[in-house]
Amino acid sequence: MNSSVPRWSAVVLGGGDPGDPFAAAHGVNVKPLIPVAGAPMALHVLRALRGSDRVGRVAYVGPTTPDLDPLIDIRVTDHGTLLSNLEAGVEALRDLGLAPGERVLVVTADVPMLRSQEVRDVLDSAPDAGLVYPVVRREVCEAAYPGVKRTYARLKDGTFTGGNLFLLDPALIGQFLPRLREVLAARKAPLKLAGLIGWDVLLRLITGRLSVQRLEEKVSGLLGVKARALITPHAAVGTDVDKDADLTLADAQLRGTPPVH
């Protein structure tokens, strides 16, 4: 691939609840602006994207600082929810002009340990699908960051945590976004969720007998687009910063010093 002609644009989700106590405790309005190793965590994410030589343009959704602005092509006002911010970010990229076939990387701004090489690896290994969701094996996360606390799902192929980035075909966003909103709205209503994804799939998921392939097939059918999971060996993809322990870990990793326990 010719790295001088990137085939990806990116939406960075840097919004958040202005009343977030974690952000307030660190003197900022939203979590992605919390300093890590001397810089806002969002700045580390933007540097990883720009340093990858794969990302041509960046739409940033949420408040910024003067340090962030030179790495952003277009800033988008926070619309209040993840999916609304995603939609607004993709629309902003469309306004800038997406090339035919160009896909979009969506990444949250709270993964400061993400490195440029890891971004490259994920994008270069991405299958050709309308929606690609990287996942990380539990043993990979625990080997990279001993003691880290993540949420895992046990599948037939292993135990995984979800990544904090995903890849999509912007031409298909109007096709799967309404259905995705419906699924997210039902996530705390077990009966409604079971009706959407199917009792057999839900039972297999609960008992750890659901394979990655079957899950891909179900999600593809549910959202109406080809969806693929991408198993990545990069723990940083599945490790965001949600609490002070995460912040301590990220700070130590970025400074190259062992965390203090």
C-alpha atoms as a PDB file:
ATOM      1  CA  MET A   1       0.000   0.000   0.000  1.00  0.00           C
ATOM      2  CA  ASN A   2       1.216   3.523  -0.803  1.00  0.00           C
ATOM      3  CA  SER A   3       1.178   5.299   2.546  1.00  0.00           C
ATOM      4  CA  SER A   4       1.240   8.699   0.811  1.00  0.00           C
ATOM      5  CA  VAL A   5      -2.359   8.113  -0.256  1.00  0.00           C
ATOM      6  CA  PRO A   6      -4.275   7.168   2.912  1.00  0.00           C
ATOM      7  CA  ARG A   7      -7.540   5.364   2.303  1.00  0.00           C
ATOM      8  CA  TRP A   8      -9.085   6.189   5.657  1.00  0.00           C
ATOM      9  CA  SER A   9     -10.676   9.168   7.331  1.00  0.00           C
ATOM     10  CA  ALA A  10     -11.320   9.180  11.073  1.00  0.00           C
ATOM     11  CA  VAL A  11     -13.978  10.297  13.509  1.00  0.00           C
ATOM     12  CA  VAL A  12     -12.637  10.811  17.024  1.00  0.00           C
ATOM     13  CA  LEU A  13     -15.333  10.762  19.696  1.00  0.00           C
ATOM     14  CA  GLY A  14     -14.158  13.282  22.274  1.00  0.00           C
ATOM     15  CA  GLY A  15     -17.442  14.296  23.845  1.00  0.00           C
ATOM     16  CA  GLY A  16     -18.764  13.419  27.262  1.00  0.00           C
ATOM     17  CA  ASP A  17     -21.066  14.326  30.091  1.00  0.00           C
ATOM     18  CA  PRO A  18     -20.126  17.811  31.374  1.00  0.00           C
ATOM     19  CA  GLY A  19     -21.107  16.583  34.843  1.00  0.00           C
ATOM     20  CA  ASP A  20     -18.715  13.614  34.740  1.00  0.00           C
ATOM     21  CA  PRO A  21     -17.173  13.467  38.250  1.00  0.00           C
ATOM     22  CA  PHE A  22     -14.006  11.783  36.902  1.00  0.00           C
ATOM     23  CA  ALA A  23     -13.372  14.704  34.538  1.00  0.00           C
ATOM     24  CA  ALA A  24     -14.311  17.282  37.171  1.00  0.00           C
ATOM     25  CA  ALA A  25     -11.906  15.727  39.679  1.00  0.00           C
ATOM     26  CA  HIS A  26      -9.110  16.377  37.196  1.00  0.00           C
ATOM     27  CA  GLY A  27     -10.158  19.935  36.440  1.00  0.00           C
ATOM     28  CA  VAL A  28     -11.534  19.485  32.915  1.00  0.00           C
ATOM     29  CA  ASN A  29     -14.992  19.511  31.339  1.00  0.00           C
ATOM     30  CA  VAL A  30     -14.870  16.103  29.635  1.00  0.00           C
ATOM     31  CA  LYS A  31     -12.828  12.944  30.174  1.00  0.00           C
ATOM     32  CA  PRO A  32     -10.734  13.044  26.950  1.00  0.00           C
ATOM     33  CA  LEU A  33      -9.137  16.296  28.124  1.00  0.00           C
ATOM     34  CA  ILE A  34      -7.759  14.747  31.341  1.00  0.00           C
ATOM     35  CA  PRO A  35      -3.952  14.981  31.247  1.00  0.00           C
ATOM     36  CA  VAL A  36      -1.974  11.751  30.861  1.00  0.00           C
ATOM     37  CA  ALA A  37       1.831  11.921  30.868  1.00  0.00           C
ATOM     38  CA  GLY A  38       1.619  15.683  30.541  1.00  0.00           C
ATOM     39  CA  ALA A  39      -0.874  15.916  27.662  1.00  0.00           C
ATOM     40  CA  PRO A  40      -4.661  15.509  27.227  1.00  0.00           C
ATOM     41  CA  MET A  41      -5.444  11.858  26.578  1.00  0.00           C
ATOM     42  CA  ALA A  42      -7.155  12.868  23.322  1.00  0.00           C
ATOM     43  CA  LEU A  43      -3.871  14.346  22.088  1.00  0.00           C
ATOM     44  CA  HIS A  44      -2.178  10.944  22.402  1.00  0.00           C
ATOM     45  CA  VAL A  45      -4.976   9.428  20.298  1.00  0.00           C
ATOM     46  CA  LEU A  46      -4.691  12.107  17.611  1.00  0.00           C
ATOM     47  CA  ARG A  47      -0.911  11.670  17.459  1.00  0.00           C
ATOM     48  CA  ALA A  48      -1.361   7.920  16.995  1.00  0.00           C
ATOM     49  CA  LEU A  49      -3.753   8.485  14.097  1.00  0.00           C
ATOM     50  CA  ARG A  50      -1.579  11.085  12.388  1.00  0.00           C
ATOM     51  CA  GLY A  51       1.581   9.062  12.923  1.00  0.00           C
ATOM     52  CA  SER A  52       0.053   5.958  11.345  1.00  0.00           C
ATOM     53  CA  ASP A  53       0.332   7.342   7.778  1.00  0.00           C
ATOM     54  CA  ARG A  54      -3.029   5.758   7.084  1.00  0.00           C
ATOM     55  CA  VAL A  55      -5.463   8.490   8.133  1.00  0.00           C
ATOM     56  CA  GLY A  56      -5.990  11.377   5.753  1.00  0.00           C
ATOM     57  CA  ARG A  57      -8.507  13.526   7.623  1.00  0.00           C
ATOM     58  CA  VAL A  58      -9.868  13.740  11.140  1.00  0.00           C
ATOM     59  CA  ALA A  59     -13.240  14.955  12.361  1.00  0.00           C
ATOM     60  CA  TYR A  60     -13.189  15.495  16.122  1.00  0.00           C
ATOM     61  CA  VAL A  61     -16.484  15.505  18.015  1.00  0.00           C
ATOM     62  CA  GLY A  62     -16.359  17.385  21.308  1.00  0.00           C
ATOM     63  CA  PRO A  63     -14.496  20.247  22.971  1.00  0.00           C
ATOM     64  CA  THR A  64     -10.832  20.734  22.116  1.00  0.00           C
ATOM     65  CA  THR A  65      -7.761  22.631  23.333  1.00  0.00           C
ATOM     66  CA  PRO A  66      -5.145  24.610  21.352  1.00  0.00           C
ATOM     67  CA  ASP A  67      -2.852  21.550  21.556  1.00  0.00           C
ATOM     68  CA  LEU A  68      -5.414  19.374  19.775  1.00  0.00           C
ATOM     69  CA  ASP A  69      -6.585  21.777  17.074  1.00  0.00           C
ATOM     70  CA  PRO A  70      -3.588  21.484  14.665  1.00  0.00           C
ATOM     71  CA  LEU A  71      -4.237  17.724  14.369  1.00  0.00           C
ATOM     72  CA  ILE A  72      -7.942  18.135  13.543  1.00  0.00           C
ATOM     73  CA  ASP A  73      -9.427  18.938  10.124  1.00  0.00           C
ATOM     74  CA  ILE A  74     -12.948  19.673  11.303  1.00  0.00           C
ATOM     75  CA  ARG A  75     -14.385  20.054  14.793  1.00  0.00           C
ATOM     76  CA  VAL A  76     -17.950  18.952  15.466  1.00  0.00           C
ATOM     77  CA  THR A  77     -20.104  19.981  18.408  1.00  0.00           C
ATOM     78  CA  ASP A  78     -20.939  17.232  20.890  1.00  0.00           C
ATOM     79  CA  HIS A  79     -24.485  16.001  20.143  1.00  0.00           C
ATOM     80  CA  GLY A  80     -24.913  14.262  23.496  1.00  0.00           C
ATOM     81  CA  THR A  81     -24.945  10.554  22.623  1.00  0.00           C
ATOM     82  CA  LEU A  82     -22.398   8.205  21.095  1.00  0.00           C
ATOM     83  CA  LEU A  83     -24.481   7.352  18.034  1.00  0.00           C
ATOM     84  CA  SER A  84     -25.507  10.972  17.411  1.00  0.00           C
ATOM     85  CA  ASN A  85     -21.852  11.992  17.656  1.00  0.00           C
ATOM     86  CA  LEU A  86     -20.875   9.184  15.291  1.00  0.00           C
ATOM     87  CA  GLU A  87     -23.481  10.294  12.761  1.00  0.00           C
ATOM     88  CA  ALA A  88     -22.453  13.953  13.050  1.00  0.00           C
ATOM     89  CA  GLY A  89     -18.774  13.076  12.654  1.00  0.00           C
ATOM     90  CA  VAL A  90     -19.346  10.994   9.523  1.00  0.00           C
ATOM     91  CA  GLU A  91     -21.552  13.736   8.075  1.00  0.00           C
ATOM     92  CA  ALA A  92     -18.760  16.266   8.687  1.00  0.00           C
ATOM     93  CA  LEU A  93     -16.331  14.036   6.784  1.00  0.00           C
ATOM     94  CA  ARG A  94     -18.820  13.789   3.939  1.00  0.00           C
ATOM     95  CA  ASP A  95     -18.902  17.587   3.795  1.00  0.00           C
ATOM     96  CA  LEU A  96     -15.116  17.567   3.404  1.00  0.00           C
ATOM     97  CA  GLY A  97     -15.490  15.043   0.599  1.00  0.00           C
ATOM     98  CA  LEU A  98     -14.919  11.319   1.004  1.00  0.00           C
ATOM     99  CA  ALA A  99     -13.292   9.444  -1.874  1.00  0.00           C
ATOM    100  CA  PRO A 100     -15.225   6.571  -3.486  1.00  0.00           C
ATOM    101  CA  GLY A 101     -14.691   3.443  -1.395  1.00  0.00           C
ATOM    102  CA  GLU A 102     -13.012   5.346   1.423  1.00  0.00           C
ATOM    103  CA  ARG A 103     -13.817   3.843   4.791  1.00  0.00           C
ATOM    104  CA  VAL A 104     -14.005   5.557   8.158  1.00  0.00           C
ATOM    105  CA  LEU A 105     -12.179   4.709  11.369  1.00  0.00           C
ATOM    106  CA  VAL A 106     -14.145   5.639  14.490  1.00  0.00           C
ATOM    107  CA  VAL A 107     -12.151   5.825  17.722  1.00  0.00           C
ATOM    108  CA  THR A 108     -12.934   7.059  21.208  1.00  0.00           C
ATOM    109  CA  ALA A 109     -10.606   9.744  22.569  1.00  0.00           C
ATOM    110  CA  ASP A 110      -9.969   7.881  25.832  1.00  0.00           C
ATOM    111  CA  VAL A 111      -7.432   5.296  24.614  1.00  0.00           C
ATOM    112  CA  PRO A 112      -4.165   7.201  25.162  1.00  0.00           C
ATOM    113  CA  MET A 113      -2.004   4.058  25.065  1.00  0.00           C
ATOM    114  CA  LEU A 114      -2.897   3.478  21.393  1.00  0.00           C
ATOM    115  CA  ARG A 115       0.216   3.691  19.202  1.00  0.00           C
ATOM    116  CA  SER A 116       0.650   4.585  15.533  1.00  0.00           C
ATOM    117  CA  GLN A 117       1.893   1.098  14.625  1.00  0.00           C
ATOM    118  CA  GLU A 118      -1.180  -0.441  16.231  1.00  0.00           C
ATOM    119  CA  VAL A 119      -3.453   1.843  14.211  1.00  0.00           C
ATOM    120  CA  ARG A 120      -1.579   0.788  11.065  1.00  0.00           C
ATOM    121  CA  ASP A 121      -1.871  -2.898  11.911  1.00  0.00           C
ATOM    122  CA  VAL A 122      -5.612  -2.678  12.545  1.00  0.00           C
ATOM    123  CA  LEU A 123      -6.316  -0.741   9.356  1.00  0.00           C
ATOM    124  CA  ASP A 124      -4.033  -2.860   7.175  1.00  0.00           C
ATOM    125  CA  SER A 125      -5.573  -6.115   8.433  1.00  0.00           C
ATOM    126  CA  ALA A 126      -9.189  -4.942   8.267  1.00  0.00           C
ATOM    127  CA  PRO A 127     -11.426  -7.278   6.251  1.00  0.00           C
ATOM    128  CA  ASP A 128     -13.620  -5.846   3.517  1.00  0.00           C
ATOM    129  CA  ALA A 129     -16.908  -5.400   5.357  1.00  0.00           C
ATOM    130  CA  GLY A 130     -19.427  -2.654   6.023  1.00  0.00           C
ATOM    131  CA  LEU A 131     -18.711  -2.814   9.749  1.00  0.00           C
ATOM    132  CA  VAL A 132     -15.540  -4.145  11.400  1.00  0.00           C
ATOM    133  CA  TYR A 133     -15.192  -4.375  15.178  1.00  0.00           C
ATOM    134  CA  PRO A 134     -11.776  -5.191  16.664  1.00  0.00           C
ATOM    135  CA  VAL A 135     -11.739  -7.394  19.775  1.00  0.00           C
ATOM    136  CA  VAL A 136      -8.884  -8.414  22.082  1.00  0.00           C
ATOM    137  CA  ARG A 137      -8.355 -11.729  23.856  1.00  0.00           C
ATOM    138  CA  ARG A 138      -8.419 -11.583  27.654  1.00  0.00           C
ATOM    139  CA  GLU A 139      -4.992 -13.196  27.963  1.00  0.00           C
ATOM    140  CA  VAL A 140      -3.524 -10.519  25.677  1.00  0.00           C
ATOM    141  CA  CYS A 141      -4.917  -7.708  27.851  1.00  0.00           C
ATOM    142  CA  GLU A 142      -3.787  -9.319  31.082  1.00  0.00           C
ATOM    143  CA  ALA A 143      -0.292 -10.045  29.755  1.00  0.00           C
ATOM    144  CA  ALA A 144       0.172  -6.470  28.557  1.00  0.00           C
ATOM    145  CA  TYR A 145      -1.388  -4.803  31.588  1.00  0.00           C
ATOM    146  CA  PRO A 146      -1.355  -7.139  34.632  1.00  0.00           C
ATOM    147  CA  GLY A 147      -4.276  -6.485  36.942  1.00  0.00           C
ATOM    148  CA  VAL A 148      -6.221  -4.372  34.447  1.00  0.00           C
ATOM    149  CA  LYS A 149     -10.001  -4.589  34.892  1.00  0.00           C
ATOM    150  CA  ARG A 150     -12.030  -4.964  31.693  1.00  0.00           C
ATOM    151  CA  THR A 151     -15.443  -6.332  30.754  1.00  0.00           C
ATOM    152  CA  TYR A 152     -15.160  -9.624  28.891  1.00  0.00           C
ATOM    153  CA  ALA A 153     -17.475 -11.863  26.882  1.00  0.00           C
ATOM    154  CA  ARG A 154     -16.876 -15.616  26.806  1.00  0.00           C
ATOM    155  CA  LEU A 155     -17.329 -17.097  23.333  1.00  0.00           C
ATOM    156  CA  LYS A 156     -16.641 -20.545  21.953  1.00  0.00           C
ATOM    157  CA  ASP A 157     -13.388 -19.251  20.439  1.00  0.00           C
ATOM    158  CA  GLY A 158     -12.108 -17.573  23.600  1.00  0.00           C
ATOM    159  CA  THR A 159     -12.810 -14.726  26.014  1.00  0.00           C
ATOM    160  CA  PHE A 160     -12.704 -11.240  24.534  1.00  0.00           C
ATOM    161  CA  THR A 161     -13.047  -7.584  25.372  1.00  0.00           C
ATOM    162  CA  GLY A 162     -14.357  -5.129  22.813  1.00  0.00           C
ATOM    163  CA  GLY A 163     -12.149  -2.552  21.166  1.00  0.00           C
ATOM    164  CA  ASN A 164     -12.604   1.181  21.511  1.00  0.00           C
ATOM    165  CA  LEU A 165     -12.498   1.715  17.792  1.00  0.00           C
ATOM    166  CA  PHE A 166     -14.346   0.316  14.821  1.00  0.00           C
ATOM    167  CA  LEU A 167     -14.365   0.661  11.059  1.00  0.00           C
ATOM    168  CA  LEU A 168     -17.303   1.365   8.804  1.00  0.00           C
ATOM    169  CA  ASP A 169     -18.369   2.050   5.260  1.00  0.00           C
ATOM    170  CA  PRO A 170     -19.917   5.538   5.476  1.00  0.00           C
ATOM    171  CA  ALA A 171     -22.261   4.742   2.597  1.00  0.00           C
ATOM    172  CA  LEU A 172     -23.980   2.162   4.813  1.00  0.00           C
ATOM    173  CA  ILE A 173     -24.370   4.199   7.993  1.00  0.00           C
ATOM    174  CA  GLY A 174     -27.966   5.151   7.248  1.00  0.00           C
ATOM    175  CA  GLN A 175     -28.708   1.462   6.770  1.00  0.00           C
ATOM    176  CA  PHE A 176     -27.476   0.123  10.105  1.00  0.00           C
ATOM    177  CA  LEU A 177     -27.682   3.104  12.474  1.00  0.00           C
ATOM    178  CA  PRO A 178     -31.475   2.969  13.093  1.00  0.00           C
ATOM    179  CA  ARG A 179     -31.268  -0.754  13.898  1.00  0.00           C
ATOM    180  CA  LEU A 180     -28.223  -0.214  16.104  1.00  0.00           C
ATOM    181  CA  ARG A 181     -30.113   2.465  18.049  1.00  0.00           C
ATOM    182  CA  GLU A 182     -32.916  -0.056  18.590  1.00  0.00           C
ATOM    183  CA  VAL A 183     -30.489  -2.683  19.892  1.00  0.00           C
ATOM    184  CA  LEU A 184     -28.786  -0.244  22.265  1.00  0.00           C
ATOM    185  CA  ALA A 185     -32.141   0.977  23.548  1.00  0.00           C
ATOM    186  CA  ALA A 186     -33.073  -2.645  24.371  1.00  0.00           C
ATOM    187  CA  ARG A 187     -29.795  -3.579  26.071  1.00  0.00           C
ATOM    188  CA  LYS A 188     -31.305  -3.212  29.572  1.00  0.00           C
ATOM    189  CA  ALA A 189     -34.577  -4.920  28.659  1.00  0.00           C
ATOM    190  CA  PRO A 190     -33.718  -8.651  28.414  1.00  0.00           C
ATOM    191  CA  LEU A 191     -36.988  -9.767  26.839  1.00  0.00           C
ATOM    192  CA  LYS A 192     -36.878  -7.101  24.148  1.00  0.00           C
ATOM    193  CA  LEU A 193     -33.199  -7.774  23.474  1.00  0.00           C
ATOM    194  CA  ALA A 194     -33.824 -11.513  23.214  1.00  0.00           C
ATOM    195  CA  GLY A 195     -36.572 -10.793  20.716  1.00  0.00           C
ATOM    196  CA  LEU A 196     -34.137  -8.808  18.585  1.00  0.00           C
ATOM    197  CA  ILE A 197     -31.157 -11.159  18.628  1.00  0.00           C
ATOM    198  CA  GLY A 198     -32.972 -14.468  19.102  1.00  0.00           C
ATOM    199  CA  TRP A 199     -33.302 -16.689  22.171  1.00  0.00           C
ATOM    200  CA  ASP A 200     -30.971 -19.330  20.736  1.00  0.00           C
ATOM    201  CA  VAL A 201     -28.203 -16.792  20.174  1.00  0.00           C
ATOM    202  CA  LEU A 202     -28.711 -15.238  23.599  1.00  0.00           C
ATOM    203  CA  LEU A 203     -28.551 -18.660  25.295  1.00  0.00           C
ATOM    204  CA  ARG A 204     -25.376 -19.604  23.422  1.00  0.00           C
ATOM    205  CA  LEU A 205     -23.834 -16.258  24.360  1.00  0.00           C
ATOM    206  CA  ILE A 206     -24.681 -16.677  28.042  1.00  0.00           C
ATOM    207  CA  THR A 207     -23.285 -20.212  28.146  1.00  0.00           C
ATOM    208  CA  GLY A 208     -20.139 -19.414  26.154  1.00  0.00           C
ATOM    209  CA  ARG A 209     -21.135 -21.626  23.223  1.00  0.00           C
ATOM    210  CA  LEU A 210     -21.514 -18.862  20.644  1.00  0.00           C
ATOM    211  CA  SER A 211     -18.718 -18.760  18.059  1.00  0.00           C
ATOM    212  CA  VAL A 212     -17.254 -15.578  16.598  1.00  0.00           C
ATOM    213  CA  GLN A 213     -18.471 -16.649  13.154  1.00  0.00           C
ATOM    214  CA  ARG A 214     -22.047 -17.192  14.342  1.00  0.00           C
ATOM    215  CA  LEU A 215     -21.977 -13.855  16.134  1.00  0.00           C
ATOM    216  CA  GLU A 216     -20.791 -12.145  12.943  1.00  0.00           C
ATOM    217  CA  GLU A 217     -23.610 -13.768  11.004  1.00  0.00           C
ATOM    218  CA  LYS A 218     -26.201 -12.686  13.556  1.00  0.00           C
ATOM    219  CA  VAL A 219     -24.976  -9.107  13.774  1.00  0.00           C
ATOM    220  CA  SER A 220     -24.825  -8.898   9.964  1.00  0.00           C
ATOM    221  CA  GLY A 221     -28.428 -10.046   9.698  1.00  0.00           C
ATOM    222  CA  LEU A 222     -29.576  -7.808  12.520  1.00  0.00           C
ATOM    223  CA  LEU A 223     -27.978  -4.628  11.169  1.00  0.00           C
ATOM    224  CA  GLY A 224     -28.448  -5.376   7.491  1.00  0.00           C
ATOM    225  CA  VAL A 225     -24.750  -4.976   6.618  1.00  0.00           C
ATOM    226  CA  LYS A 226     -21.792  -7.331   6.435  1.00  0.00           C
ATOM    227  CA  ALA A 227     -20.197  -7.219   9.904  1.00  0.00           C
ATOM    228  CA  ARG A 228     -16.904  -8.812  10.887  1.00  0.00           C
ATOM    229  CA  ALA A 229     -14.956  -9.127  14.123  1.00  0.00           C
ATOM    230  CA  LEU A 230     -11.223  -8.491  13.911  1.00  0.00           C
ATOM    231  CA  ILE A 231      -9.158 -10.246  16.576  1.00  0.00           C
ATOM    232  CA  THR A 232      -6.236  -7.924  17.243  1.00  0.00           C
ATOM    233  CA  PRO A 233      -3.121  -8.647  19.337  1.00  0.00           C
ATOM    234  CA  HIS A 234      -2.953  -5.055  20.582  1.00  0.00           C
ATOM    235  CA  ALA A 235      -4.193  -4.676  24.150  1.00  0.00           C
ATOM    236  CA  ALA A 236      -4.304  -0.876  23.895  1.00  0.00           C
ATOM    237  CA  VAL A 237      -7.190  -1.172  21.417  1.00  0.00           C
ATOM    238  CA  GLY A 238      -9.358  -2.639  24.191  1.00  0.00           C
ATOM    239  CA  THR A 239      -8.091  -0.543  27.104  1.00  0.00           C
ATOM    240  CA  ASP A 240      -9.730   2.820  27.699  1.00  0.00           C
ATOM    241  CA  VAL A 241      -9.370   5.122  30.704  1.00  0.00           C
ATOM    242  CA  ASP A 242     -12.452   5.207  32.917  1.00  0.00           C
ATOM    243  CA  LYS A 243     -11.060   5.595  36.425  1.00  0.00           C
ATOM    244  CA  ASP A 244      -7.986   6.665  38.365  1.00  0.00           C
ATOM    245  CA  ALA A 245      -6.429   3.189  38.264  1.00  0.00           C
ATOM    246  CA  ASP A 246      -6.622   3.279  34.455  1.00  0.00           C
ATOM    247  CA  LEU A 247      -5.110   6.745  34.486  1.00  0.00           C
ATOM    248  CA  THR A 248      -2.184   5.555  36.615  1.00  0.00           C
ATOM    249  CA  LEU A 249      -1.611   2.632  34.236  1.00  0.00           C
ATOM    250  CA  ALA A 250      -1.728   4.832  31.126  1.00  0.00           C
ATOM    251  CA  ASP A 251       0.561   7.440  32.667  1.00  0.00           C
ATOM    252  CA  ALA A 252       3.137   4.785  33.592  1.00  0.00           C
ATOM    253  CA  GLN A 253       2.963   3.162  30.154  1.00  0.00           C
ATOM    254  CA  LEU A 254       3.407   6.440  28.306  1.00  0.00           C
ATOM    255  CA  ARG A 255       6.246   7.590  30.535  1.00  0.00           C
ATOM    256  CA  GLY A 256       7.910   4.177  30.362  1.00  0.00           C
ATOM    257  CA  THR A 257       7.931   3.727  34.120  1.00  0.00           C
ATOM    258  CA  PRO A 258       6.473   0.826  36.141  1.00  0.00           C
ATOM    259  CA  PRO A 259       3.155   1.658  37.842  1.00  0.00           C
ATOM    260  CA  VAL A 260       3.178   2.060  41.600  1.00  0.00           C
ATOM    261  CA  HIS A 261       0.839  -0.368  43.357  1.00  0.00           C
END
